[in-house]
Amino acid sequence: YINSEGSSFVRSLPLITFAASAASQASDGMPLENF
């Protein structure tokens, strides 16, 4: 990043994301989900 005011920065950020989701349905038809 650079601007005309004289400021600048460099940002290098790695990121690992682990996501698990599951879904089901109750006997009355209500959807159920969580993660």
Full PDB file with SEQRES, HELIX, SHEET, SSBOND, CRYST1, ORIGX, SCALE, CONECT and MASTER records, all heavy atoms in Angstrom:
SEQRES   1 A   35  TYR ILE ASN SER GLU GLY SER SER PHE VAL ARG SER LEU          
SEQRES   2 A   35  PRO LEU ILE THR PHE ALA ALA SER ALA ALA SER GLN ALA          
SEQRES   3 A   35  SER ASP GLY MET PRO LEU GLU ASN PHE                          
SHEET    1 AA1 2 ALA A  22  GLN A  25  0                                        
SHEET    2 AA1 2 PRO A  31  ASN A  34 -1                                        
CRYST1    1.000    1.000    1.000  90.00  90.00  90.00 P 1           1          
ORIGX1      1.000000  0.000000  0.000000        0.00000                         
ORIGX2      0.000000  1.000000  0.000000        0.00000                         
ORIGX3      0.000000  0.000000  1.000000        0.00000                         
SCALE1      1.000000  0.000000  0.000000        0.00000                         
SCALE2      0.000000  1.000000  0.000000        0.00000                         
SCALE3      0.000000  0.000000  1.000000        0.00000                         
ATOM      1  N   TYR A   1       0.838  -1.198   0.000  1.00  0.00           N  
ATOM      2  CA  TYR A   1       0.000   0.000   0.000  1.00  0.00           C  
ATOM      3  C   TYR A   1       0.871   1.245   0.000  1.00  0.00           C  
ATOM      4  O   TYR A   1       1.902   1.300   0.670  1.00  0.00           O  
ATOM      5  CB  TYR A   1      -0.892   0.003   1.249  1.00  0.00           C  
ATOM      6  CG  TYR A   1      -1.714   1.256   1.461  1.00  0.00           C  
ATOM      7  CD1 TYR A   1      -3.036   1.324   1.035  1.00  0.00           C  
ATOM      8  CD2 TYR A   1      -1.176   2.357   2.106  1.00  0.00           C  
ATOM      9  CE1 TYR A   1      -3.793   2.465   1.232  1.00  0.00           C  
ATOM     10  CE2 TYR A   1      -1.922   3.510   2.300  1.00  0.00           C  
ATOM     11  CZ  TYR A   1      -3.227   3.562   1.868  1.00  0.00           C  
ATOM     12  OH  TYR A   1      -3.974   4.694   2.060  1.00  0.00           O  
ATOM     13  N   ILE A   2       0.460   2.276  -0.745  1.00  0.00           N  
ATOM     14  CA  ILE A   2       1.167   3.553  -0.740  1.00  0.00           C  
ATOM     15  C   ILE A   2       0.147   4.647  -0.979  1.00  0.00           C  
ATOM     16  O   ILE A   2      -0.825   4.459  -1.729  1.00  0.00           O  
ATOM     17  CB  ILE A   2       2.284   3.601  -1.816  1.00  0.00           C  
ATOM     18  CG1 ILE A   2       3.106   4.868  -1.694  1.00  0.00           C  
ATOM     19  CG2 ILE A   2       1.705   3.448  -3.212  1.00  0.00           C  
ATOM     20  CD1 ILE A   2       4.363   4.871  -2.555  1.00  0.00           C  
ATOM     21  N   ASN A   3       0.316   5.801  -0.316  1.00  0.00           N  
ATOM     22  CA  ASN A   3      -0.550   6.939  -0.594  1.00  0.00           C  
ATOM     23  C   ASN A   3       0.285   8.199  -0.785  1.00  0.00           C  
ATOM     24  O   ASN A   3       1.496   8.212  -0.550  1.00  0.00           O  
ATOM     25  CB  ASN A   3      -1.618   7.115   0.501  1.00  0.00           C  
ATOM     26  CG  ASN A   3      -1.045   7.499   1.853  1.00  0.00           C  
ATOM     27  OD1 ASN A   3       0.037   8.084   1.966  1.00  0.00           O  
ATOM     28  ND2 ASN A   3      -1.779   7.169   2.909  1.00  0.00           N  
ATOM     29  N   SER A   4      -0.376   9.268  -1.189  1.00  0.00           N  
ATOM     30  CA  SER A   4       0.329  10.505  -1.532  1.00  0.00           C  
ATOM     31  C   SER A   4       0.714  11.314  -0.302  1.00  0.00           C  
ATOM     32  O   SER A   4       1.334  12.372  -0.424  1.00  0.00           O  
ATOM     33  CB  SER A   4      -0.549  11.360  -2.462  1.00  0.00           C  
ATOM     34  OG  SER A   4      -1.786  11.658  -1.835  1.00  0.00           O  
ATOM     35  N   GLU A   5       0.347  10.849   0.882  1.00  0.00           N  
ATOM     36  CA  GLU A   5       0.731  11.546   2.115  1.00  0.00           C  
ATOM     37  C   GLU A   5       2.115  11.121   2.608  1.00  0.00           C  
ATOM     38  O   GLU A   5       2.626  11.682   3.574  1.00  0.00           O  
ATOM     39  CB  GLU A   5      -0.277  11.262   3.222  1.00  0.00           C  
ATOM     40  CG  GLU A   5      -1.685  11.754   2.913  1.00  0.00           C  
ATOM     41  CD  GLU A   5      -2.670  11.288   3.961  1.00  0.00           C  
ATOM     42  OE1 GLU A   5      -2.676  10.085   4.271  1.00  0.00           O  
ATOM     43  OE2 GLU A   5      -3.422  12.131   4.474  1.00  0.00           O  
ATOM     44  N   GLY A   6       2.682  10.096   1.977  1.00  0.00           N  
ATOM     45  CA  GLY A   6       3.988   9.609   2.403  1.00  0.00           C  
ATOM     46  C   GLY A   6       3.926   8.347   3.227  1.00  0.00           C  
ATOM     47  O   GLY A   6       4.942   7.869   3.730  1.00  0.00           O  
ATOM     48  N   SER A   7       2.726   7.776   3.401  1.00  0.00           N  
ATOM     49  CA  SER A   7       2.583   6.528   4.161  1.00  0.00           C  
ATOM     50  C   SER A   7       2.680   5.323   3.241  1.00  0.00           C  
ATOM     51  O   SER A   7       2.279   5.376   2.080  1.00  0.00           O  
ATOM     52  CB  SER A   7       1.234   6.494   4.892  1.00  0.00           C  
ATOM     53  OG  SER A   7       1.198   7.425   5.947  1.00  0.00           O  
ATOM     54  N   SER A   8       3.203   4.250   3.783  1.00  0.00           N  
ATOM     55  CA  SER A   8       3.258   2.999   3.041  1.00  0.00           C  
ATOM     56  C   SER A   8       3.335   1.844   4.026  1.00  0.00           C  
ATOM     57  O   SER A   8       3.782   2.005   5.162  1.00  0.00           O  
ATOM     58  CB  SER A   8       4.471   2.955   2.105  1.00  0.00           C  
ATOM     59  OG  SER A   8       5.673   2.989   2.854  1.00  0.00           O  
ATOM     60  N   PHE A   9       2.844   0.707   3.592  1.00  0.00           N  
ATOM     61  CA  PHE A   9       3.011  -0.501   4.399  1.00  0.00           C  
ATOM     62  C   PHE A   9       3.034  -1.725   3.498  1.00  0.00           C  
ATOM     63  O   PHE A   9       2.500  -1.712   2.383  1.00  0.00           O  
ATOM     64  CB  PHE A   9       1.946  -0.633   5.492  1.00  0.00           C  
ATOM     65  CG  PHE A   9       0.545  -0.899   5.009  1.00  0.00           C  
ATOM     66  CD1 PHE A   9       0.136  -2.181   4.650  1.00  0.00           C  
ATOM     67  CD2 PHE A   9      -0.392   0.122   4.963  1.00  0.00           C  
ATOM     68  CE1 PHE A   9      -1.157  -2.435   4.232  1.00  0.00           C  
ATOM     69  CE2 PHE A   9      -1.693  -0.122   4.551  1.00  0.00           C  
ATOM     70  CZ  PHE A   9      -2.077  -1.401   4.183  1.00  0.00           C  
ATOM     71  N   VAL A  10       3.681  -2.755   4.008  1.00  0.00           N  
ATOM     72  CA  VAL A  10       3.695  -4.060   3.353  1.00  0.00           C  
ATOM     73  C   VAL A  10       3.133  -5.059   4.346  1.00  0.00           C  
ATOM     74  O   VAL A  10       3.535  -5.087   5.510  1.00  0.00           O  
ATOM     75  CB  VAL A  10       5.118  -4.477   2.931  1.00  0.00           C  
ATOM     76  CG1 VAL A  10       5.105  -5.893   2.365  1.00  0.00           C  
ATOM     77  CG2 VAL A  10       5.666  -3.495   1.918  1.00  0.00           C  
ATOM     78  N   ARG A  11       2.181  -5.855   3.897  1.00  0.00           N  
ATOM     79  CA  ARG A  11       1.554  -6.836   4.783  1.00  0.00           C  
ATOM     80  C   ARG A  11       1.507  -8.192   4.070  1.00  0.00           C  
ATOM     81  O   ARG A  11       0.880  -8.324   3.018  1.00  0.00           O  
ATOM     82  CB  ARG A  11       0.150  -6.395   5.170  1.00  0.00           C  
ATOM     83  CG  ARG A  11      -0.572  -7.353   6.114  1.00  0.00           C  
ATOM     84  CD  ARG A  11      -2.030  -6.961   6.299  1.00  0.00           C  
ATOM     85  NE  ARG A  11      -2.155  -5.663   6.955  1.00  0.00           N  
ATOM     86  CZ  ARG A  11      -3.125  -4.796   6.705  1.00  0.00           C  
ATOM     87  NH1 ARG A  11      -4.013  -5.056   5.759  1.00  0.00           N  
ATOM     88  NH2 ARG A  11      -3.188  -3.660   7.363  1.00  0.00           N  
ATOM     89  N   SER A  12       2.191  -9.169   4.646  1.00  0.00           N  
ATOM     90  CA  SER A  12       2.150 -10.536   4.115  1.00  0.00           C  
ATOM     91  C   SER A  12       1.664 -11.453   5.228  1.00  0.00           C  
ATOM     92  O   SER A  12       2.363 -11.640   6.230  1.00  0.00           O  
ATOM     93  CB  SER A  12       3.537 -10.975   3.630  1.00  0.00           C  
ATOM     94  OG  SER A  12       3.940 -10.211   2.527  1.00  0.00           O  
ATOM     95  N   LEU A  13       0.469 -11.988   5.059  1.00  0.00           N  
ATOM     96  CA  LEU A  13      -0.150 -12.793   6.118  1.00  0.00           C  
ATOM     97  C   LEU A  13      -0.663 -14.114   5.559  1.00  0.00           C  
ATOM     98  O   LEU A  13      -1.612 -14.134   4.763  1.00  0.00           O  
ATOM     99  CB  LEU A  13      -1.311 -12.019   6.760  1.00  0.00           C  
ATOM    100  CG  LEU A  13      -0.962 -10.721   7.494  1.00  0.00           C  
ATOM    101  CD1 LEU A  13      -2.222 -10.052   8.006  1.00  0.00           C  
ATOM    102  CD2 LEU A  13      -0.004 -11.001   8.634  1.00  0.00           C  
ATOM    103  N   PRO A  14      -0.065 -15.224   5.958  1.00  0.00           N  
ATOM    104  CA  PRO A  14      -0.622 -16.531   5.586  1.00  0.00           C  
ATOM    105  C   PRO A  14      -1.792 -16.879   6.504  1.00  0.00           C  
ATOM    106  O   PRO A  14      -1.888 -16.373   7.632  1.00  0.00           O  
ATOM    107  CB  PRO A  14       0.559 -17.475   5.815  1.00  0.00           C  
ATOM    108  CG  PRO A  14       1.342 -16.824   6.917  1.00  0.00           C  
ATOM    109  CD  PRO A  14       1.185 -15.349   6.730  1.00  0.00           C  
ATOM    110  N   LEU A  15      -2.679 -17.723   6.036  1.00  0.00           N  
ATOM    111  CA  LEU A  15      -3.825 -18.136   6.847  1.00  0.00           C  
ATOM    112  C   LEU A  15      -4.256 -19.547   6.466  1.00  0.00           C  
ATOM    113  O   LEU A  15      -4.448 -19.848   5.286  1.00  0.00           O  
ATOM    114  CB  LEU A  15      -5.001 -17.173   6.655  1.00  0.00           C  
ATOM    115  CG  LEU A  15      -6.282 -17.507   7.426  1.00  0.00           C  
ATOM    116  CD1 LEU A  15      -6.038 -17.439   8.934  1.00  0.00           C  
ATOM    117  CD2 LEU A  15      -7.423 -16.590   7.025  1.00  0.00           C  
ATOM    118  N   ILE A  16      -4.392 -20.395   7.486  1.00  0.00           N  
ATOM    119  CA  ILE A  16      -4.934 -21.742   7.290  1.00  0.00           C  
ATOM    120  C   ILE A  16      -6.315 -21.786   7.935  1.00  0.00           C  
ATOM    121  O   ILE A  16      -6.486 -21.361   9.080  1.00  0.00           O  
ATOM    122  CB  ILE A  16      -4.052 -22.812   7.952  1.00  0.00           C  
ATOM    123  CG1 ILE A  16      -2.596 -22.657   7.534  1.00  0.00           C  
ATOM    124  CG2 ILE A  16      -4.553 -24.213   7.627  1.00  0.00           C  
ATOM    125  CD1 ILE A  16      -1.658 -23.562   8.312  1.00  0.00           C  
ATOM    126  N   THR A  17      -7.283 -22.281   7.208  1.00  0.00           N  
ATOM    127  CA  THR A  17      -8.638 -22.422   7.731  1.00  0.00           C  
ATOM    128  C   THR A  17      -9.074 -23.875   7.606  1.00  0.00           C  
ATOM    129  O   THR A  17      -8.964 -24.471   6.529  1.00  0.00           O  
ATOM    130  CB  THR A  17      -9.632 -21.536   6.962  1.00  0.00           C  
ATOM    131  OG1 THR A  17      -9.201 -20.180   7.032  1.00  0.00           O  
ATOM    132  CG2 THR A  17     -11.024 -21.644   7.564  1.00  0.00           C  
ATOM    133  N   PHE A  18      -9.528 -24.437   8.717  1.00  0.00           N  
ATOM    134  CA  PHE A  18     -10.131 -25.771   8.702  1.00  0.00           C  
ATOM    135  C   PHE A  18     -11.594 -25.614   9.068  1.00  0.00           C  
ATOM    136  O   PHE A  18     -11.932 -25.014  10.100  1.00  0.00           O  
ATOM    137  CB  PHE A  18      -9.454 -26.695   9.714  1.00  0.00           C  
ATOM    138  CG  PHE A  18     -10.170 -28.010   9.901  1.00  0.00           C  
ATOM    139  CD1 PHE A  18      -9.978 -29.050   9.008  1.00  0.00           C  
ATOM    140  CD2 PHE A  18     -11.048 -28.201  10.964  1.00  0.00           C  
ATOM    141  CE1 PHE A  18     -10.650 -30.256   9.162  1.00  0.00           C  
ATOM    142  CE2 PHE A  18     -11.720 -29.392  11.132  1.00  0.00           C  
ATOM    143  CZ  PHE A  18     -11.519 -30.429  10.229  1.00  0.00           C  
ATOM    144  N   ALA A  19     -12.471 -26.110   8.214  1.00  0.00           N  
ATOM    145  CA  ALA A  19     -13.907 -26.001   8.459  1.00  0.00           C  
ATOM    146  C   ALA A  19     -14.576 -27.338   8.218  1.00  0.00           C  
ATOM    147  O   ALA A  19     -14.297 -28.016   7.221  1.00  0.00           O  
ATOM    148  CB  ALA A  19     -14.533 -24.933   7.559  1.00  0.00           C  
ATOM    149  N   ALA A  20     -15.435 -27.723   9.142  1.00  0.00           N  
ATOM    150  CA  ALA A  20     -16.217 -28.954   9.006  1.00  0.00           C  
ATOM    151  C   ALA A  20     -17.661 -28.640   9.330  1.00  0.00           C  
ATOM    152  O   ALA A  20     -17.953 -27.982  10.342  1.00  0.00           O  
ATOM    153  CB  ALA A  20     -15.685 -30.026   9.954  1.00  0.00           C  
ATOM    154  N   SER A  21     -18.561 -29.056   8.477  1.00  0.00           N  
ATOM    155  CA  SER A  21     -19.980 -28.818   8.693  1.00  0.00           C  
ATOM    156  C   SER A  21     -20.754 -30.110   8.504  1.00  0.00           C  
ATOM    157  O   SER A  21     -20.327 -31.013   7.771  1.00  0.00           O  
ATOM    158  CB  SER A  21     -20.510 -27.743   7.730  1.00  0.00           C  
ATOM    159  OG  SER A  21     -20.372 -28.177   6.385  1.00  0.00           O  
ATOM    160  N   ALA A  22     -21.877 -30.211   9.176  1.00  0.00           N  
ATOM    161  CA  ALA A  22     -22.727 -31.394   9.077  1.00  0.00           C  
ATOM    162  C   ALA A  22     -24.180 -30.962   9.181  1.00  0.00           C  
ATOM    163  O   ALA A  22     -24.493 -29.932   9.796  1.00  0.00           O  
ATOM    164  CB  ALA A  22     -22.383 -32.401  10.179  1.00  0.00           C  
ATOM    165  N   ALA A  23     -25.051 -31.746   8.582  1.00  0.00           N  
ATOM    166  CA  ALA A  23     -26.471 -31.411   8.588  1.00  0.00           C  
ATOM    167  C   ALA A  23     -27.305 -32.674   8.703  1.00  0.00           C  
ATOM    168  O   ALA A  23     -26.881 -33.772   8.295  1.00  0.00           O  
ATOM    169  CB  ALA A  23     -26.854 -30.644   7.320  1.00  0.00           C  
ATOM    170  N   SER A  24     -28.482 -32.520   9.267  1.00  0.00           N  
ATOM    171  CA  SER A  24     -29.407 -33.634   9.425  1.00  0.00           C  
ATOM    172  C   SER A  24     -30.822 -33.079   9.402  1.00  0.00           C  
ATOM    173  O   SER A  24     -31.043 -31.910   9.044  1.00  0.00           O  
ATOM    174  CB  SER A  24     -29.126 -34.381  10.742  1.00  0.00           C  
ATOM    175  OG  SER A  24     -29.939 -35.523  10.839  1.00  0.00           O  
ATOM    176  N   GLN A  25     -31.775 -33.924   9.806  1.00  0.00           N  
ATOM    177  CA  GLN A  25     -33.172 -33.505   9.822  1.00  0.00           C  
ATOM    178  C   GLN A  25     -33.885 -34.244  10.937  1.00  0.00           C  
ATOM    179  O   GLN A  25     -33.732 -35.463  11.093  1.00  0.00           O  
ATOM    180  CB  GLN A  25     -33.836 -33.804   8.475  1.00  0.00           C  
ATOM    181  CG  GLN A  25     -35.205 -33.170   8.302  1.00  0.00           C  
ATOM    182  CD  GLN A  25     -35.738 -33.379   6.888  1.00  0.00           C  
ATOM    183  OE1 GLN A  25     -35.434 -34.388   6.246  1.00  0.00           O  
ATOM    184  NE2 GLN A  25     -36.537 -32.444   6.407  1.00  0.00           N  
ATOM    185  N   ALA A  26     -34.629 -33.510  11.741  1.00  0.00           N  
ATOM    186  CA  ALA A  26     -35.383 -34.120  12.828  1.00  0.00           C  
ATOM    187  C   ALA A  26     -36.579 -34.885  12.272  1.00  0.00           C  
ATOM    188  O   ALA A  26     -36.943 -34.737  11.104  1.00  0.00           O  
ATOM    189  CB  ALA A  26     -35.830 -33.056  13.817  1.00  0.00           C  
ATOM    190  N   SER A  27     -37.198 -35.701  13.127  1.00  0.00           N  
ATOM    191  CA  SER A  27     -38.320 -36.523  12.676  1.00  0.00           C  
ATOM    192  C   SER A  27     -39.508 -35.689  12.217  1.00  0.00           C  
ATOM    193  O   SER A  27     -40.315 -36.148  11.396  1.00  0.00           O  
ATOM    194  CB  SER A  27     -38.764 -37.459  13.809  1.00  0.00           C  
ATOM    195  OG  SER A  27     -39.099 -36.708  14.970  1.00  0.00           O  
ATOM    196  N   ASP A  28     -39.619 -34.449  12.734  1.00  0.00           N  
ATOM    197  CA  ASP A  28     -40.726 -33.588  12.315  1.00  0.00           C  
ATOM    198  C   ASP A  28     -40.383 -32.742  11.095  1.00  0.00           C  
ATOM    199  O   ASP A  28     -41.164 -31.885  10.686  1.00  0.00           O  
ATOM    200  CB  ASP A  28     -41.153 -32.675  13.477  1.00  0.00           C  
ATOM    201  CG  ASP A  28     -40.039 -31.749  13.927  1.00  0.00           C  
ATOM    202  OD1 ASP A  28     -38.916 -31.906  13.415  1.00  0.00           O  
ATOM    203  OD2 ASP A  28     -40.291 -30.886  14.777  1.00  0.00           O  
ATOM    204  N   GLY A  29     -39.195 -32.963  10.519  1.00  0.00           N  
ATOM    205  CA  GLY A  29     -38.797 -32.243   9.314  1.00  0.00           C  
ATOM    206  C   GLY A  29     -37.932 -31.027   9.555  1.00  0.00           C  
ATOM    207  O   GLY A  29     -37.461 -30.406   8.601  1.00  0.00           O  
ATOM    208  N   MET A  30     -37.694 -30.668  10.820  1.00  0.00           N  
ATOM    209  CA  MET A  30     -36.881 -29.489  11.098  1.00  0.00           C  
ATOM    210  C   MET A  30     -35.441 -29.717  10.653  1.00  0.00           C  
ATOM    211  O   MET A  30     -34.832 -30.703  11.046  1.00  0.00           O  
ATOM    212  CB  MET A  30     -36.915 -29.149  12.593  1.00  0.00           C  
ATOM    213  CG  MET A  30     -36.037 -27.943  12.960  1.00  0.00           C  
ATOM    214  SD  MET A  30     -35.984 -27.629  14.744  1.00  0.00           S  
ATOM    215  CE  MET A  30     -37.675 -27.089  15.020  1.00  0.00           C  
ATOM    216  N   PRO A  31     -34.859 -28.817   9.837  1.00  0.00           N  
ATOM    217  CA  PRO A  31     -33.456 -28.969   9.436  1.00  0.00           C  
ATOM    218  C   PRO A  31     -32.523 -28.680  10.607  1.00  0.00           C  
ATOM    219  O   PRO A  31     -32.751 -27.759  11.392  1.00  0.00           O  
ATOM    220  CB  PRO A  31     -33.291 -27.934   8.324  1.00  0.00           C  
ATOM    221  CG  PRO A  31     -34.367 -26.921   8.573  1.00  0.00           C  
ATOM    222  CD  PRO A  31     -35.506 -27.662   9.199  1.00  0.00           C  
ATOM    223  N   LEU A  32     -31.465 -29.466  10.715  1.00  0.00           N  
ATOM    224  CA  LEU A  32     -30.472 -29.324  11.780  1.00  0.00           C  
ATOM    225  C   LEU A  32     -29.098 -29.231  11.144  1.00  0.00           C  
ATOM    226  O   LEU A  32     -28.762 -30.034  10.270  1.00  0.00           O  
ATOM    227  CB  LEU A  32     -30.515 -30.522  12.734  1.00  0.00           C  
ATOM    228  CG  LEU A  32     -31.867 -30.858  13.379  1.00  0.00           C  
ATOM    229  CD1 LEU A  32     -31.784 -32.198  14.111  1.00  0.00           C  
ATOM    230  CD2 LEU A  32     -32.274 -29.751  14.345  1.00  0.00           C  
ATOM    231  N   GLU A  33     -28.298 -28.268  11.564  1.00  0.00           N  
ATOM    232  CA  GLU A  33     -26.950 -28.140  11.030  1.00  0.00           C  
ATOM    233  C   GLU A  33     -26.037 -27.493  12.058  1.00  0.00           C  
ATOM    234  O   GLU A  33     -26.482 -26.761  12.939  1.00  0.00           O  
ATOM    235  CB  GLU A  33     -26.947 -27.335   9.733  1.00  0.00           C  
ATOM    236  CG  GLU A  33     -27.565 -25.958   9.820  1.00  0.00           C  
ATOM    237  CD  GLU A  33     -27.600 -25.278   8.468  1.00  0.00           C  
ATOM    238  OE1 GLU A  33     -26.560 -25.290   7.780  1.00  0.00           O  
ATOM    239  OE2 GLU A  33     -28.661 -24.743   8.103  1.00  0.00           O  
ATOM    240  N   ASN A  34     -24.747 -27.783  11.933  1.00  0.00           N  
ATOM    241  CA  ASN A  34     -23.760 -27.223  12.835  1.00  0.00           C  
ATOM    242  C   ASN A  34     -22.394 -27.286  12.150  1.00  0.00           C  
ATOM    243  O   ASN A  34     -22.223 -27.987  11.145  1.00  0.00           O  
ATOM    244  CB  ASN A  34     -23.733 -27.980  14.164  1.00  0.00           C  
ATOM    245  CG  ASN A  34     -23.152 -27.146  15.290  1.00  0.00           C  
ATOM    246  OD1 ASN A  34     -22.650 -26.035  15.074  1.00  0.00           O  
ATOM    247  ND2 ASN A  34     -23.189 -27.669  16.503  1.00  0.00           N  
ATOM    248  N   PHE A  35     -21.411 -26.556  12.697  1.00  0.00           N  
ATOM    249  CA  PHE A  35     -20.082 -26.551  12.095  1.00  0.00           C  
ATOM    250  C   PHE A  35     -19.047 -26.249  13.165  1.00  0.00           C  
ATOM    251  O   PHE A  35     -19.355 -25.750  14.254  1.00  0.00           O  
ATOM    252  CB  PHE A  35     -19.992 -25.496  10.986  1.00  0.00           C  
ATOM    253  CG  PHE A  35     -19.866 -24.088  11.492  1.00  0.00           C  
ATOM    254  CD1 PHE A  35     -18.625 -23.472  11.605  1.00  0.00           C  
ATOM    255  CD2 PHE A  35     -20.992 -23.372  11.866  1.00  0.00           C  
ATOM    256  CE1 PHE A  35     -18.513 -22.176  12.081  1.00  0.00           C  
ATOM    257  CE2 PHE A  35     -20.887 -22.076  12.347  1.00  0.00           C  
ATOM    258  CZ  PHE A  35     -19.644 -21.477  12.460  1.00  0.00           C  
TER     259      PHE A  35                                                      
MASTER        0    0    0    0    2    0    0    6  258    1    0    3          
END                                                                             
